[in-house]
Full PDB file with SEQRES, HELIX, SHEET, SSBOND, CRYST1, ORIGX, SCALE, CONECT and MASTER records, all heavy atoms in Angstrom:
SEQRES   1 A   40  ILE GLY VAL ALA PHE ARG ASP PRO GLN ARG TRP PRO TYR          
SEQRES   2 A   40  ASP GLY GLY GLY ILE LEU GLN ASP PRO ASP ARG SER TYR          
SEQRES   3 A   40  PRO LEU LEU LYS ASP GLY LEU PRO GLU GLU SER LEU LEU          
SEQRES   4 A   40  PRO                                                          
HELIX    1 AA1 PRO A   22  ASP A   31  1                                  10    
HELIX    2 AA2 GLU A   35  SER A   37  5                                   3    
SHEET    1 AA1 2 ALA A   4  PHE A   5  0                                        
SHEET    2 AA1 2 LEU A  38  LEU A  39 -1                                        
CRYST1    1.000    1.000    1.000  90.00  90.00  90.00 P 1           1          
ORIGX1      1.000000  0.000000  0.000000        0.00000                         
ORIGX2      0.000000  1.000000  0.000000        0.00000                         
ORIGX3      0.000000  0.000000  1.000000        0.00000                         
SCALE1      1.000000  0.000000  0.000000        0.00000                         
SCALE2      0.000000  1.000000  0.000000        0.00000                         
SCALE3      0.000000  0.000000  1.000000        0.00000                         
ATOM      1  N   ILE A   1       5.261 -10.047  -9.660  1.00  0.00           N  
ATOM      2  CA  ILE A   1       5.499 -10.305  -8.244  1.00  0.00           C  
ATOM      3  C   ILE A   1       5.167  -9.030  -7.486  1.00  0.00           C  
ATOM      4  O   ILE A   1       5.671  -7.951  -7.816  1.00  0.00           O  
ATOM      5  CB  ILE A   1       6.949 -10.740  -7.966  1.00  0.00           C  
ATOM      6  CG1 ILE A   1       7.205 -12.110  -8.607  1.00  0.00           C  
ATOM      7  CG2 ILE A   1       7.230 -10.779  -6.464  1.00  0.00           C  
ATOM      8  CD1 ILE A   1       8.610 -12.649  -8.422  1.00  0.00           C  
ATOM      9  N   GLY A   2       4.307  -9.145  -6.504  1.00  0.00           N  
ATOM     10  CA  GLY A   2       3.908  -7.970  -5.743  1.00  0.00           C  
ATOM     11  C   GLY A   2       2.967  -8.329  -4.622  1.00  0.00           C  
ATOM     12  O   GLY A   2       2.943  -9.467  -4.154  1.00  0.00           O  
ATOM     13  N   VAL A   3       2.175  -7.352  -4.219  1.00  0.00           N  
ATOM     14  CA  VAL A   3       1.202  -7.533  -3.150  1.00  0.00           C  
ATOM     15  C   VAL A   3      -0.153  -7.010  -3.632  1.00  0.00           C  
ATOM     16  O   VAL A   3      -0.229  -6.054  -4.403  1.00  0.00           O  
ATOM     17  CB  VAL A   3       1.624  -6.812  -1.852  1.00  0.00           C  
ATOM     18  CG1 VAL A   3       2.849  -7.477  -1.246  1.00  0.00           C  
ATOM     19  CG2 VAL A   3       1.906  -5.346  -2.095  1.00  0.00           C  
ATOM     20  N   ALA A   4      -1.203  -7.653  -3.155  1.00  0.00           N  
ATOM     21  CA  ALA A   4      -2.563  -7.237  -3.470  1.00  0.00           C  
ATOM     22  C   ALA A   4      -3.137  -6.570  -2.222  1.00  0.00           C  
ATOM     23  O   ALA A   4      -3.194  -7.177  -1.157  1.00  0.00           O  
ATOM     24  CB  ALA A   4      -3.407  -8.437  -3.885  1.00  0.00           C  
ATOM     25  N   PHE A   5      -3.533  -5.327  -2.357  1.00  0.00           N  
ATOM     26  CA  PHE A   5      -4.055  -4.535  -1.241  1.00  0.00           C  
ATOM     27  C   PHE A   5      -5.575  -4.648  -1.188  1.00  0.00           C  
ATOM     28  O   PHE A   5      -6.252  -4.293  -2.145  1.00  0.00           O  
ATOM     29  CB  PHE A   5      -3.642  -3.066  -1.403  1.00  0.00           C  
ATOM     30  CG  PHE A   5      -2.167  -2.838  -1.285  1.00  0.00           C  
ATOM     31  CD1 PHE A   5      -1.355  -2.840  -2.398  1.00  0.00           C  
ATOM     32  CD2 PHE A   5      -1.588  -2.632  -0.033  1.00  0.00           C  
ATOM     33  CE1 PHE A   5       0.018  -2.631  -2.285  1.00  0.00           C  
ATOM     34  CE2 PHE A   5      -0.227  -2.424   0.087  1.00  0.00           C  
ATOM     35  CZ  PHE A   5       0.574  -2.422  -1.033  1.00  0.00           C  
ATOM     36  N   ARG A   6      -6.101  -5.098  -0.066  1.00  0.00           N  
ATOM     37  CA  ARG A   6      -7.541  -5.294   0.100  1.00  0.00           C  
ATOM     38  C   ARG A   6      -8.332  -3.981   0.136  1.00  0.00           C  
ATOM     39  O   ARG A   6      -9.429  -3.916  -0.378  1.00  0.00           O  
ATOM     40  CB  ARG A   6      -7.829  -6.021   1.415  1.00  0.00           C  
ATOM     41  CG  ARG A   6      -7.451  -7.454   1.450  1.00  0.00           C  
ATOM     42  CD  ARG A   6      -7.877  -8.017   2.806  1.00  0.00           C  
ATOM     43  NE  ARG A   6      -7.309  -9.293   3.099  1.00  0.00           N  
ATOM     44  CZ  ARG A   6      -7.942 -10.449   2.910  1.00  0.00           C  
ATOM     45  NH1 ARG A   6      -9.151 -10.461   2.414  1.00  0.00           N  
ATOM     46  NH2 ARG A   6      -7.351 -11.577   3.221  1.00  0.00           N  
ATOM     47  N   ASP A   7      -7.801  -2.964   0.792  1.00  0.00           N  
ATOM     48  CA  ASP A   7      -8.565  -1.756   1.109  1.00  0.00           C  
ATOM     49  C   ASP A   7      -8.616  -0.790  -0.077  1.00  0.00           C  
ATOM     50  O   ASP A   7      -7.618  -0.154  -0.418  1.00  0.00           O  
ATOM     51  CB  ASP A   7      -7.949  -1.053   2.313  1.00  0.00           C  
ATOM     52  CG  ASP A   7      -8.720   0.170   2.758  1.00  0.00           C  
ATOM     53  OD1 ASP A   7      -9.764   0.482   2.153  1.00  0.00           O  
ATOM     54  OD2 ASP A   7      -8.274   0.822   3.720  1.00  0.00           O  
ATOM     55  N   PRO A   8      -9.780  -0.612  -0.701  1.00  0.00           N  
ATOM     56  CA  PRO A   8      -9.894   0.296  -1.850  1.00  0.00           C  
ATOM     57  C   PRO A   8      -9.572   1.755  -1.503  1.00  0.00           C  
ATOM     58  O   PRO A   8      -9.223   2.525  -2.392  1.00  0.00           O  
ATOM     59  CB  PRO A   8     -11.358   0.169  -2.279  1.00  0.00           C  
ATOM     60  CG  PRO A   8     -11.855  -1.078  -1.665  1.00  0.00           C  
ATOM     61  CD  PRO A   8     -11.039  -1.311  -0.435  1.00  0.00           C  
ATOM     62  N   GLN A   9      -9.662   2.125  -0.240  1.00  0.00           N  
ATOM     63  CA  GLN A   9      -9.314   3.493   0.132  1.00  0.00           C  
ATOM     64  C   GLN A   9      -7.807   3.729   0.047  1.00  0.00           C  
ATOM     65  O   GLN A   9      -7.359   4.868  -0.031  1.00  0.00           O  
ATOM     66  CB  GLN A   9      -9.833   3.814   1.527  1.00  0.00           C  
ATOM     67  CG  GLN A   9     -11.348   3.867   1.553  1.00  0.00           C  
ATOM     68  CD  GLN A   9     -11.885   4.305   2.891  1.00  0.00           C  
ATOM     69  OE1 GLN A   9     -11.160   4.532   3.847  1.00  0.00           O  
ATOM     70  NE2 GLN A   9     -13.202   4.430   2.956  1.00  0.00           N  
ATOM     71  N   ARG A  10      -7.030   2.686   0.052  1.00  0.00           N  
ATOM     72  CA  ARG A  10      -5.571   2.788  -0.077  1.00  0.00           C  
ATOM     73  C   ARG A  10      -5.141   2.848  -1.544  1.00  0.00           C  
ATOM     74  O   ARG A  10      -4.049   3.281  -1.867  1.00  0.00           O  
ATOM     75  CB  ARG A  10      -4.921   1.586   0.621  1.00  0.00           C  
ATOM     76  CG  ARG A  10      -3.436   1.619   0.680  1.00  0.00           C  
ATOM     77  CD  ARG A  10      -2.872   0.400   1.386  1.00  0.00           C  
ATOM     78  NE  ARG A  10      -3.109   0.404   2.804  1.00  0.00           N  
ATOM     79  CZ  ARG A  10      -2.328   1.007   3.694  1.00  0.00           C  
ATOM     80  NH1 ARG A  10      -1.261   1.649   3.309  1.00  0.00           N  
ATOM     81  NH2 ARG A  10      -2.599   0.955   4.976  1.00  0.00           N  
ATOM     82  N   TRP A  11      -5.983   2.393  -2.452  1.00  0.00           N  
ATOM     83  CA  TRP A  11      -5.638   2.301  -3.870  1.00  0.00           C  
ATOM     84  C   TRP A  11      -5.385   3.692  -4.442  1.00  0.00           C  
ATOM     85  O   TRP A  11      -6.124   4.624  -4.173  1.00  0.00           O  
ATOM     86  CB  TRP A  11      -6.719   1.594  -4.650  1.00  0.00           C  
ATOM     87  CG  TRP A  11      -7.011   0.182  -4.198  1.00  0.00           C  
ATOM     88  CD1 TRP A  11      -6.289  -0.557  -3.307  1.00  0.00           C  
ATOM     89  CD2 TRP A  11      -8.107  -0.625  -4.591  1.00  0.00           C  
ATOM     90  NE1 TRP A  11      -6.876  -1.787  -3.134  1.00  0.00           N  
ATOM     91  CE2 TRP A  11      -7.994  -1.858  -3.905  1.00  0.00           C  
ATOM     92  CE3 TRP A  11      -9.178  -0.437  -5.446  1.00  0.00           C  
ATOM     93  CZ2 TRP A  11      -8.900  -2.895  -4.070  1.00  0.00           C  
ATOM     94  CZ3 TRP A  11     -10.093  -1.471  -5.608  1.00  0.00           C  
ATOM     95  CH2 TRP A  11      -9.950  -2.690  -4.931  1.00  0.00           C  
ATOM     96  N   PRO A  12      -4.361   3.846  -5.275  1.00  0.00           N  
ATOM     97  CA  PRO A  12      -3.957   5.167  -5.795  1.00  0.00           C  
ATOM     98  C   PRO A  12      -4.715   5.588  -7.058  1.00  0.00           C  
ATOM     99  O   PRO A  12      -4.168   5.564  -8.158  1.00  0.00           O  
ATOM    100  CB  PRO A  12      -2.473   4.983  -6.074  1.00  0.00           C  
ATOM    101  CG  PRO A  12      -2.372   3.538  -6.474  1.00  0.00           C  
ATOM    102  CD  PRO A  12      -3.386   2.813  -5.621  1.00  0.00           C  
ATOM    103  N   TYR A  13      -5.940   6.004  -6.906  1.00  0.00           N  
ATOM    104  CA  TYR A  13      -6.751   6.416  -8.055  1.00  0.00           C  
ATOM    105  C   TYR A  13      -6.123   7.598  -8.786  1.00  0.00           C  
ATOM    106  O   TYR A  13      -6.348   7.799  -9.967  1.00  0.00           O  
ATOM    107  CB  TYR A  13      -8.171   6.786  -7.603  1.00  0.00           C  
ATOM    108  CG  TYR A  13      -8.865   5.653  -6.895  1.00  0.00           C  
ATOM    109  CD1 TYR A  13      -9.010   5.658  -5.513  1.00  0.00           C  
ATOM    110  CD2 TYR A  13      -9.350   4.559  -7.602  1.00  0.00           C  
ATOM    111  CE1 TYR A  13      -9.634   4.607  -4.868  1.00  0.00           C  
ATOM    112  CE2 TYR A  13      -9.968   3.508  -6.957  1.00  0.00           C  
ATOM    113  CZ  TYR A  13     -10.104   3.537  -5.582  1.00  0.00           C  
ATOM    114  OH  TYR A  13     -10.709   2.498  -4.942  1.00  0.00           O  
ATOM    115  N   ASP A  14      -5.351   8.391  -8.067  1.00  0.00           N  
ATOM    116  CA  ASP A  14      -4.716   9.568  -8.656  1.00  0.00           C  
ATOM    117  C   ASP A  14      -3.333   9.261  -9.229  1.00  0.00           C  
ATOM    118  O   ASP A  14      -2.616  10.157  -9.634  1.00  0.00           O  
ATOM    119  CB  ASP A  14      -4.596  10.682  -7.614  1.00  0.00           C  
ATOM    120  CG  ASP A  14      -3.745  10.279  -6.419  1.00  0.00           C  
ATOM    121  OD1 ASP A  14      -3.446   9.069  -6.248  1.00  0.00           O  
ATOM    122  OD2 ASP A  14      -3.368  11.161  -5.637  1.00  0.00           O  
ATOM    123  N   GLY A  15      -2.929   7.993  -9.249  1.00  0.00           N  
ATOM    124  CA  GLY A  15      -1.611   7.606  -9.754  1.00  0.00           C  
ATOM    125  C   GLY A  15      -0.580   7.599  -8.651  1.00  0.00           C  
ATOM    126  O   GLY A  15      -0.889   7.752  -7.488  1.00  0.00           O  
ATOM    127  N   GLY A  16       0.673   7.379  -9.028  1.00  0.00           N  
ATOM    128  CA  GLY A  16       1.759   7.449  -8.058  1.00  0.00           C  
ATOM    129  C   GLY A  16       2.092   6.150  -7.365  1.00  0.00           C  
ATOM    130  O   GLY A  16       3.189   5.965  -6.910  1.00  0.00           O  
ATOM    131  N   GLY A  17       1.177   5.243  -7.262  1.00  0.00           N  
ATOM    132  CA  GLY A  17       1.438   3.968  -6.636  1.00  0.00           C  
ATOM    133  C   GLY A  17       1.483   4.029  -5.117  1.00  0.00           C  
ATOM    134  O   GLY A  17       1.632   5.088  -4.529  1.00  0.00           O  
ATOM    135  N   ILE A  18       1.341   2.879  -4.504  1.00  0.00           N  
ATOM    136  CA  ILE A  18       1.444   2.768  -3.050  1.00  0.00           C  
ATOM    137  C   ILE A  18       2.900   2.608  -2.647  1.00  0.00           C  
ATOM    138  O   ILE A  18       3.370   3.248  -1.710  1.00  0.00           O  
ATOM    139  CB  ILE A  18       0.595   1.587  -2.535  1.00  0.00           C  
ATOM    140  CG1 ILE A  18      -0.883   1.840  -2.826  1.00  0.00           C  
ATOM    141  CG2 ILE A  18       0.836   1.355  -1.039  1.00  0.00           C  
ATOM    142  CD1 ILE A  18      -1.783   0.651  -2.564  1.00  0.00           C  
ATOM    143  N   LEU A  19       3.624   1.771  -3.362  1.00  0.00           N  
ATOM    144  CA  LEU A  19       5.031   1.514  -3.033  1.00  0.00           C  
ATOM    145  C   LEU A  19       5.975   2.533  -3.658  1.00  0.00           C  
ATOM    146  O   LEU A  19       7.053   2.779  -3.138  1.00  0.00           O  
ATOM    147  CB  LEU A  19       5.422   0.103  -3.490  1.00  0.00           C  
ATOM    148  CG  LEU A  19       4.610  -1.038  -2.884  1.00  0.00           C  
ATOM    149  CD1 LEU A  19       5.034  -2.363  -3.496  1.00  0.00           C  
ATOM    150  CD2 LEU A  19       4.750  -1.058  -1.377  1.00  0.00           C  
ATOM    151  N   GLN A  20       5.585   3.125  -4.761  1.00  0.00           N  
ATOM    152  CA  GLN A  20       6.468   4.040  -5.481  1.00  0.00           C  
ATOM    153  C   GLN A  20       6.346   5.492  -5.037  1.00  0.00           C  
ATOM    154  O   GLN A  20       7.250   6.280  -5.240  1.00  0.00           O  
ATOM    155  CB  GLN A  20       6.205   3.946  -6.986  1.00  0.00           C  
ATOM    156  CG  GLN A  20       6.494   2.584  -7.570  1.00  0.00           C  
ATOM    157  CD  GLN A  20       7.946   2.180  -7.428  1.00  0.00           C  
ATOM    158  OE1 GLN A  20       8.840   2.991  -7.554  1.00  0.00           O  
ATOM    159  NE2 GLN A  20       8.179   0.910  -7.159  1.00  0.00           N  
ATOM    160  N   ASP A  21       5.222   5.857  -4.454  1.00  0.00           N  
ATOM    161  CA  ASP A  21       4.995   7.230  -4.001  1.00  0.00           C  
ATOM    162  C   ASP A  21       5.503   7.368  -2.568  1.00  0.00           C  
ATOM    163  O   ASP A  21       4.980   6.708  -1.666  1.00  0.00           O  
ATOM    164  CB  ASP A  21       3.508   7.551  -4.076  1.00  0.00           C  
ATOM    165  CG  ASP A  21       3.169   8.955  -3.616  1.00  0.00           C  
ATOM    166  OD1 ASP A  21       3.975   9.594  -2.922  1.00  0.00           O  
ATOM    167  OD2 ASP A  21       2.058   9.419  -3.951  1.00  0.00           O  
ATOM    168  N   PRO A  22       6.520   8.195  -2.324  1.00  0.00           N  
ATOM    169  CA  PRO A  22       7.088   8.312  -0.973  1.00  0.00           C  
ATOM    170  C   PRO A  22       6.065   8.666   0.103  1.00  0.00           C  
ATOM    171  O   PRO A  22       6.163   8.170   1.229  1.00  0.00           O  
ATOM    172  CB  PRO A  22       8.139   9.415  -1.113  1.00  0.00           C  
ATOM    173  CG  PRO A  22       8.486   9.430  -2.555  1.00  0.00           C  
ATOM    174  CD  PRO A  22       7.234   9.024  -3.289  1.00  0.00           C  
ATOM    175  N   ASP A  23       5.078   9.498  -0.207  1.00  0.00           N  
ATOM    176  CA  ASP A  23       4.074   9.857   0.796  1.00  0.00           C  
ATOM    177  C   ASP A  23       3.238   8.649   1.215  1.00  0.00           C  
ATOM    178  O   ASP A  23       2.795   8.569   2.356  1.00  0.00           O  
ATOM    179  CB  ASP A  23       3.145  10.958   0.275  1.00  0.00           C  
ATOM    180  CG  ASP A  23       3.858  12.296   0.148  1.00  0.00           C  
ATOM    181  OD1 ASP A  23       4.860  12.523   0.859  1.00  0.00           O  
ATOM    182  OD2 ASP A  23       3.417  13.117  -0.685  1.00  0.00           O  
ATOM    183  N   ARG A  24       3.032   7.718   0.297  1.00  0.00           N  
ATOM    184  CA  ARG A  24       2.254   6.515   0.622  1.00  0.00           C  
ATOM    185  C   ARG A  24       3.139   5.406   1.176  1.00  0.00           C  
ATOM    186  O   ARG A  24       2.702   4.629   2.026  1.00  0.00           O  
ATOM    187  CB  ARG A  24       1.531   6.018  -0.625  1.00  0.00           C  
ATOM    188  CG  ARG A  24       0.409   6.924  -1.086  1.00  0.00           C  
ATOM    189  CD  ARG A  24      -0.316   6.295  -2.282  1.00  0.00           C  
ATOM    190  NE  ARG A  24      -1.438   7.108  -2.682  1.00  0.00           N  
ATOM    191  CZ  ARG A  24      -1.536   7.733  -3.845  1.00  0.00           C  
ATOM    192  NH1 ARG A  24      -0.572   7.655  -4.726  1.00  0.00           N  
ATOM    193  NH2 ARG A  24      -2.604   8.451  -4.128  1.00  0.00           N  
ATOM    194  N   SER A  25       4.356   5.301   0.682  1.00  0.00           N  
ATOM    195  CA  SER A  25       5.209   4.185   1.099  1.00  0.00           C  
ATOM    196  C   SER A  25       5.888   4.425   2.447  1.00  0.00           C  
ATOM    197  O   SER A  25       6.167   3.473   3.172  1.00  0.00           O  
ATOM    198  CB  SER A  25       6.261   3.876   0.035  1.00  0.00           C  
ATOM    199  OG  SER A  25       7.161   4.949  -0.117  1.00  0.00           O  
ATOM    200  N   TYR A  26       6.147   5.677   2.795  1.00  0.00           N  
ATOM    201  CA  TYR A  26       6.854   5.973   4.048  1.00  0.00           C  
ATOM    202  C   TYR A  26       6.183   5.325   5.265  1.00  0.00           C  
ATOM    203  O   TYR A  26       6.835   4.594   6.009  1.00  0.00           O  
ATOM    204  CB  TYR A  26       6.995   7.489   4.236  1.00  0.00           C  
ATOM    205  CG  TYR A  26       7.553   7.882   5.573  1.00  0.00           C  
ATOM    206  CD1 TYR A  26       8.914   7.757   5.847  1.00  0.00           C  
ATOM    207  CD2 TYR A  26       6.722   8.358   6.581  1.00  0.00           C  
ATOM    208  CE1 TYR A  26       9.428   8.104   7.091  1.00  0.00           C  
ATOM    209  CE2 TYR A  26       7.222   8.708   7.823  1.00  0.00           C  
ATOM    210  CZ  TYR A  26       8.572   8.582   8.078  1.00  0.00           C  
ATOM    211  OH  TYR A  26       9.076   8.918   9.306  1.00  0.00           O  
ATOM    212  N   PRO A  27       4.876   5.554   5.499  1.00  0.00           N  
ATOM    213  CA  PRO A  27       4.276   4.933   6.683  1.00  0.00           C  
ATOM    214  C   PRO A  27       4.286   3.403   6.621  1.00  0.00           C  
ATOM    215  O   PRO A  27       4.456   2.731   7.633  1.00  0.00           O  
ATOM    216  CB  PRO A  27       2.846   5.467   6.716  1.00  0.00           C  
ATOM    217  CG  PRO A  27       2.659   6.322   5.537  1.00  0.00           C  
ATOM    218  CD  PRO A  27       3.946   6.418   4.788  1.00  0.00           C  
ATOM    219  N   LEU A  28       4.117   2.858   5.435  1.00  0.00           N  
ATOM    220  CA  LEU A  28       4.124   1.415   5.263  1.00  0.00           C  
ATOM    221  C   LEU A  28       5.500   0.834   5.598  1.00  0.00           C  
ATOM    222  O   LEU A  28       5.601  -0.168   6.303  1.00  0.00           O  
ATOM    223  CB  LEU A  28       3.741   1.103   3.817  1.00  0.00           C  
ATOM    224  CG  LEU A  28       3.607  -0.338   3.420  1.00  0.00           C  
ATOM    225  CD1 LEU A  28       2.513  -0.471   2.375  1.00  0.00           C  
ATOM    226  CD2 LEU A  28       4.902  -0.871   2.875  1.00  0.00           C  
ATOM    227  N   LEU A  29       6.558   1.474   5.101  1.00  0.00           N  
ATOM    228  CA  LEU A  29       7.914   0.981   5.369  1.00  0.00           C  
ATOM    229  C   LEU A  29       8.311   1.215   6.817  1.00  0.00           C  
ATOM    230  O   LEU A  29       8.950   0.360   7.438  1.00  0.00           O  
ATOM    231  CB  LEU A  29       8.911   1.650   4.427  1.00  0.00           C  
ATOM    232  CG  LEU A  29       8.714   1.370   2.940  1.00  0.00           C  
ATOM    233  CD1 LEU A  29       9.727   2.143   2.114  1.00  0.00           C  
ATOM    234  CD2 LEU A  29       8.777  -0.108   2.636  1.00  0.00           C  
ATOM    235  N   LYS A  30       7.941   2.342   7.358  1.00  0.00           N  
ATOM    236  CA  LYS A  30       8.329   2.680   8.737  1.00  0.00           C  
ATOM    237  C   LYS A  30       7.587   1.822   9.761  1.00  0.00           C  
ATOM    238  O   LYS A  30       8.190   1.263  10.665  1.00  0.00           O  
ATOM    239  CB  LYS A  30       8.073   4.155   9.007  1.00  0.00           C  
ATOM    240  CG  LYS A  30       8.595   4.617  10.353  1.00  0.00           C  
ATOM    241  CD  LYS A  30       8.465   6.119  10.480  1.00  0.00           C  
ATOM    242  CE  LYS A  30       9.036   6.626  11.773  1.00  0.00           C  
ATOM    243  NZ  LYS A  30       8.491   6.031  12.970  1.00  0.00           N  
ATOM    244  N   ASP A  31       6.265   1.725   9.607  1.00  0.00           N  
ATOM    245  CA  ASP A  31       5.438   1.077  10.625  1.00  0.00           C  
ATOM    246  C   ASP A  31       4.957  -0.322  10.252  1.00  0.00           C  
ATOM    247  O   ASP A  31       4.421  -1.034  11.094  1.00  0.00           O  
ATOM    248  CB  ASP A  31       4.213   1.945  10.923  1.00  0.00           C  
ATOM    249  CG  ASP A  31       4.613   3.343  11.386  1.00  0.00           C  
ATOM    250  OD1 ASP A  31       5.632   3.468  12.101  1.00  0.00           O  
ATOM    251  OD2 ASP A  31       3.912   4.306  11.017  1.00  0.00           O  
ATOM    252  N   GLY A  32       5.108  -0.702   9.001  1.00  0.00           N  
ATOM    253  CA  GLY A  32       4.600  -1.997   8.564  1.00  0.00           C  
ATOM    254  C   GLY A  32       3.134  -1.918   8.202  1.00  0.00           C  
ATOM    255  O   GLY A  32       2.533  -0.844   8.170  1.00  0.00           O  
ATOM    256  N   LEU A  33       2.576  -3.057   7.955  1.00  0.00           N  
ATOM    257  CA  LEU A  33       1.199  -3.138   7.499  1.00  0.00           C  
ATOM    258  C   LEU A  33       0.605  -4.411   8.083  1.00  0.00           C  
ATOM    259  O   LEU A  33       1.224  -5.480   8.002  1.00  0.00           O  
ATOM    260  CB  LEU A  33       1.186  -3.197   5.969  1.00  0.00           C  
ATOM    261  CG  LEU A  33      -0.121  -3.080   5.246  1.00  0.00           C  
ATOM    262  CD1 LEU A  33      -0.730  -1.691   5.459  1.00  0.00           C  
ATOM    263  CD2 LEU A  33       0.090  -3.293   3.760  1.00  0.00           C  
ATOM    264  N   PRO A  34      -0.574  -4.342   8.685  1.00  0.00           N  
ATOM    265  CA  PRO A  34      -1.194  -5.573   9.195  1.00  0.00           C  
ATOM    266  C   PRO A  34      -1.377  -6.587   8.070  1.00  0.00           C  
ATOM    267  O   PRO A  34      -1.776  -6.226   6.956  1.00  0.00           O  
ATOM    268  CB  PRO A  34      -2.540  -5.107   9.737  1.00  0.00           C  
ATOM    269  CG  PRO A  34      -2.427  -3.627   9.892  1.00  0.00           C  
ATOM    270  CD  PRO A  34      -1.404  -3.169   8.901  1.00  0.00           C  
ATOM    271  N   GLU A  35      -1.082  -7.824   8.356  1.00  0.00           N  
ATOM    272  CA  GLU A  35      -1.171  -8.889   7.350  1.00  0.00           C  
ATOM    273  C   GLU A  35      -2.555  -8.945   6.709  1.00  0.00           C  
ATOM    274  O   GLU A  35      -2.684  -9.212   5.515  1.00  0.00           O  
ATOM    275  CB  GLU A  35      -0.827 -10.241   7.986  1.00  0.00           C  
ATOM    276  CG  GLU A  35      -0.580 -11.342   6.991  1.00  0.00           C  
ATOM    277  CD  GLU A  35       0.673 -11.160   6.157  1.00  0.00           C  
ATOM    278  OE1 GLU A  35       1.685 -10.658   6.675  1.00  0.00           O  
ATOM    279  OE2 GLU A  35       0.648 -11.512   4.964  1.00  0.00           O  
ATOM    280  N   GLU A  36      -3.600  -8.645   7.480  1.00  0.00           N  
ATOM    281  CA  GLU A  36      -4.963  -8.714   6.922  1.00  0.00           C  
ATOM    282  C   GLU A  36      -5.227  -7.610   5.903  1.00  0.00           C  
ATOM    283  O   GLU A  36      -6.245  -7.624   5.222  1.00  0.00           O  
ATOM    284  CB  GLU A  36      -6.019  -8.701   8.031  1.00  0.00           C  
ATOM    285  CG  GLU A  36      -6.041  -7.449   8.880  1.00  0.00           C  
ATOM    286  CD  GLU A  36      -5.114  -7.497  10.098  1.00  0.00           C  
ATOM    287  OE1 GLU A  36      -4.300  -8.432  10.229  1.00  0.00           O  
ATOM    288  OE2 GLU A  36      -5.197  -6.571  10.903  1.00  0.00           O  
ATOM    289  N   SER A  37      -4.321  -6.645   5.766  1.00  0.00           N  
ATOM    290  CA  SER A  37      -4.449  -5.588   4.762  1.00  0.00           C  
ATOM    291  C   SER A  37      -4.152  -6.107   3.355  1.00  0.00           C  
ATOM    292  O   SER A  37      -4.482  -5.467   2.373  1.00  0.00           O  
ATOM    293  CB  SER A  37      -3.511  -4.441   5.058  1.00  0.00           C  
ATOM    294  OG  SER A  37      -3.823  -3.858   6.284  1.00  0.00           O  
ATOM    295  N   LEU A  38      -3.485  -7.262   3.303  1.00  0.00           N  
ATOM    296  CA  LEU A  38      -3.085  -7.832   2.018  1.00  0.00           C  
ATOM    297  C   LEU A  38      -3.907  -9.067   1.700  1.00  0.00           C  
ATOM    298  O   LEU A  38      -4.231  -9.863   2.586  1.00  0.00           O  
ATOM    299  CB  LEU A  38      -1.605  -8.203   2.053  1.00  0.00           C  
ATOM    300  CG  LEU A  38      -0.645  -7.059   2.391  1.00  0.00           C  
ATOM    301  CD1 LEU A  38       0.776  -7.586   2.525  1.00  0.00           C  
ATOM    302  CD2 LEU A  38      -0.739  -5.958   1.354  1.00  0.00           C  
ATOM    303  N   LEU A  39      -4.240  -9.241   0.451  1.00  0.00           N  
ATOM    304  CA  LEU A  39      -4.959 -10.416  -0.002  1.00  0.00           C  
ATOM    305  C   LEU A  39      -3.929 -11.533  -0.237  1.00  0.00           C  
ATOM    306  O   LEU A  39      -2.974 -11.331  -0.984  1.00  0.00           O  
ATOM    307  CB  LEU A  39      -5.705 -10.101  -1.306  1.00  0.00           C  
ATOM    308  CG  LEU A  39      -6.542 -11.199  -1.898  1.00  0.00           C  
ATOM    309  CD1 LEU A  39      -7.764 -11.447  -1.013  1.00  0.00           C  
ATOM    310  CD2 LEU A  39      -6.974 -10.842  -3.305  1.00  0.00           C  
ATOM    311  N   PRO A  40      -4.106 -12.689   0.397  1.00  0.00           N  
ATOM    312  CA  PRO A  40      -3.105 -13.754   0.244  1.00  0.00           C  
ATOM    313  C   PRO A  40      -3.268 -14.572  -1.044  1.00  0.00           C  
ATOM    314  O   PRO A  40      -3.018 -15.765  -1.062  1.00  0.00           O  
ATOM    315  CB  PRO A  40      -3.330 -14.613   1.491  1.00  0.00           C  
ATOM    316  CG  PRO A  40      -4.773 -14.455   1.786  1.00  0.00           C  
ATOM    317  CD  PRO A  40      -5.128 -13.039   1.380  1.00  0.00           C  
TER     318      PRO A  40                                                      
MASTER        0    0    0    2    2    0    0    6  317    1    0    4          
END                                                                             
């Protein structure tokens, strides 16, 4: 269960995750994410 992120520039090639890495998750949790950023 999760989310599929469309934008390859957001993908964590260096590890850490998008949701698990505070530097990546903070803006997402604070400001949200446009629905079109996620693959339905």
